[in-house]
């Protein structure tokens, strides 16, 4: 498999709630509450009782949290 195909496959990997919880540190209630507020990626419906999240979207959400934290730290360091 070429690198591009591997990257595309990684971007489309679906992960279930337990893996989302492990990646984010959120519990189920927090995940669904943040989704309801529009602050967390919505899942893909797999069947009547199953959903999964696109891993790359969850990773992007995590990266945004880290970037926000780093920006806050940088602003605190600039202030005299």
C-alpha atoms as a PDB file:
ATOM      1  CA  UNK A   1       0.000   0.000   0.000  1.00  0.00           C
ATOM      2  CA  UNK A   2       1.399   3.391  -0.904  1.00  0.00           C
ATOM      3  CA  UNK A   3       1.822   6.118   1.684  1.00  0.00           C
ATOM      4  CA  UNK A   4      -1.046   8.144   0.184  1.00  0.00           C
ATOM      5  CA  UNK A   5      -3.434   5.199   0.365  1.00  0.00           C
ATOM      6  CA  UNK A   6      -2.345   4.513   3.955  1.00  0.00           C
ATOM      7  CA  UNK A   7      -3.029   8.150   4.861  1.00  0.00           C
ATOM      8  CA  UNK A   8      -6.435   8.038   3.171  1.00  0.00           C
ATOM      9  CA  UNK A   9      -7.309   4.817   4.986  1.00  0.00           C
ATOM     10  CA  UNK A  10      -6.217   6.351   8.295  1.00  0.00           C
ATOM     11  CA  UNK A  11      -8.352   9.439   7.644  1.00  0.00           C
ATOM     12  CA  UNK A  12     -11.398   7.237   7.086  1.00  0.00           C
ATOM     13  CA  UNK A  13     -10.903   4.881  10.024  1.00  0.00           C
ATOM     14  CA  UNK A  14     -13.997   4.619  12.204  1.00  0.00           C
ATOM     15  CA  UNK A  15     -13.623   4.303  15.949  1.00  0.00           C
ATOM     16  CA  UNK A  16     -16.205   3.302  18.504  1.00  0.00           C
ATOM     17  CA  UNK A  17     -17.133   5.231  21.637  1.00  0.00           C
ATOM     18  CA  UNK A  18     -14.725   3.443  23.983  1.00  0.00           C
ATOM     19  CA  UNK A  19     -11.789   4.413  21.790  1.00  0.00           C
ATOM     20  CA  UNK A  20     -13.090   7.998  21.590  1.00  0.00           C
ATOM     21  CA  UNK A  21     -13.247   8.011  25.380  1.00  0.00           C
ATOM     22  CA  UNK A  22      -9.695   6.676  25.636  1.00  0.00           C
ATOM     23  CA  UNK A  23      -8.383   9.298  23.196  1.00  0.00           C
ATOM     24  CA  UNK A  24     -10.200  12.280  24.749  1.00  0.00           C
ATOM     25  CA  UNK A  25     -10.529  11.413  28.414  1.00  0.00           C
ATOM     26  CA  UNK A  26     -14.247  12.207  28.145  1.00  0.00           C
ATOM     27  CA  UNK A  27     -16.952   9.928  29.464  1.00  0.00           C
ATOM     28  CA  UNK A  28     -20.046   9.067  27.419  1.00  0.00           C
ATOM     29  CA  UNK A  29     -22.168  11.874  28.905  1.00  0.00           C
ATOM     30  CA  UNK A  30     -19.525  14.495  28.151  1.00  0.00           C
ATOM     31  CA  UNK A  31     -19.100  13.280  24.579  1.00  0.00           C
ATOM     32  CA  UNK A  32     -22.831  13.521  23.866  1.00  0.00           C
ATOM     33  CA  UNK A  33     -23.201  16.844  25.725  1.00  0.00           C
ATOM     34  CA  UNK A  34     -20.386  18.410  23.692  1.00  0.00           C
ATOM     35  CA  UNK A  35     -21.898  17.030  20.481  1.00  0.00           C
ATOM     36  CA  UNK A  36     -25.261  18.588  21.390  1.00  0.00           C
ATOM     37  CA  UNK A  37     -23.510  21.957  21.831  1.00  0.00           C
ATOM     38  CA  UNK A  38     -21.776  21.558  18.468  1.00  0.00           C
ATOM     39  CA  UNK A  39     -18.334  21.379  20.074  1.00  0.00           C
ATOM     40  CA  UNK A  40     -17.466  17.767  19.285  1.00  0.00           C
ATOM     41  CA  UNK A  41     -17.552  15.769  16.038  1.00  0.00           C
ATOM     42  CA  UNK A  42     -20.777  13.973  15.280  1.00  0.00           C
ATOM     43  CA  UNK A  43     -20.701  10.203  14.747  1.00  0.00           C
ATOM     44  CA  UNK A  44     -21.485   8.209  11.629  1.00  0.00           C
ATOM     45  CA  UNK A  45     -24.539   5.971  11.978  1.00  0.00           C
ATOM     46  CA  UNK A  46     -23.535   2.381  11.234  1.00  0.00           C
ATOM     47  CA  UNK A  47     -26.838   0.714  12.038  1.00  0.00           C
ATOM     48  CA  UNK A  48     -29.925   1.274  14.125  1.00  0.00           C
ATOM     49  CA  UNK A  49     -27.994   0.955  17.399  1.00  0.00           C
ATOM     50  CA  UNK A  50     -24.377   1.544  16.394  1.00  0.00           C
ATOM     51  CA  UNK A  51     -22.388   4.673  15.729  1.00  0.00           C
ATOM     52  CA  UNK A  52     -18.703   5.406  15.245  1.00  0.00           C
ATOM     53  CA  UNK A  53     -16.594   8.518  14.892  1.00  0.00           C
ATOM     54  CA  UNK A  54     -14.174   9.336  12.099  1.00  0.00           C
ATOM     55  CA  UNK A  55     -10.796   9.071  13.786  1.00  0.00           C
ATOM     56  CA  UNK A  56      -9.255  11.978  11.880  1.00  0.00           C
ATOM     57  CA  UNK A  57     -12.061  14.289  13.079  1.00  0.00           C
ATOM     58  CA  UNK A  58     -11.484  13.274  16.693  1.00  0.00           C
ATOM     59  CA  UNK A  59      -7.733  13.754  16.230  1.00  0.00           C
ATOM     60  CA  UNK A  60      -8.373  17.211  14.760  1.00  0.00           C
ATOM     61  CA  UNK A  61     -10.562  18.092  17.758  1.00  0.00           C
ATOM     62  CA  UNK A  62      -7.748  17.022  20.087  1.00  0.00           C
ATOM     63  CA  UNK A  63      -5.203  19.052  18.085  1.00  0.00           C
ATOM     64  CA  UNK A  64      -7.455  22.124  18.342  1.00  0.00           C
ATOM     65  CA  UNK A  65      -7.589  21.763  22.144  1.00  0.00           C
ATOM     66  CA  UNK A  66      -3.789  21.526  22.279  1.00  0.00           C
ATOM     67  CA  UNK A  67      -3.357  24.541  19.986  1.00  0.00           C
ATOM     68  CA  UNK A  68      -5.760  26.561  22.144  1.00  0.00           C
ATOM     69  CA  UNK A  69      -3.834  25.629  25.274  1.00  0.00           C
ATOM     70  CA  UNK A  70      -0.512  26.523  23.634  1.00  0.00           C
ATOM     71  CA  UNK A  71      -1.889  29.891  22.499  1.00  0.00           C
ATOM     72  CA  UNK A  72      -3.065  30.638  26.031  1.00  0.00           C
ATOM     73  CA  UNK A  73       0.346  29.754  27.450  1.00  0.00           C
ATOM     74  CA  UNK A  74       2.090  31.909  24.855  1.00  0.00           C
ATOM     75  CA  UNK A  75      -0.145  34.888  25.696  1.00  0.00           C
ATOM     76  CA  UNK A  76       0.586  34.481  29.403  1.00  0.00           C
ATOM     77  CA  UNK A  77       4.335  34.455  28.713  1.00  0.00           C
ATOM     78  CA  UNK A  78       4.138  37.682  26.673  1.00  0.00           C
ATOM     79  CA  UNK A  79       2.394  39.699  29.404  1.00  0.00           C
ATOM     80  CA  UNK A  80       4.834  41.531  31.716  1.00  0.00           C
END
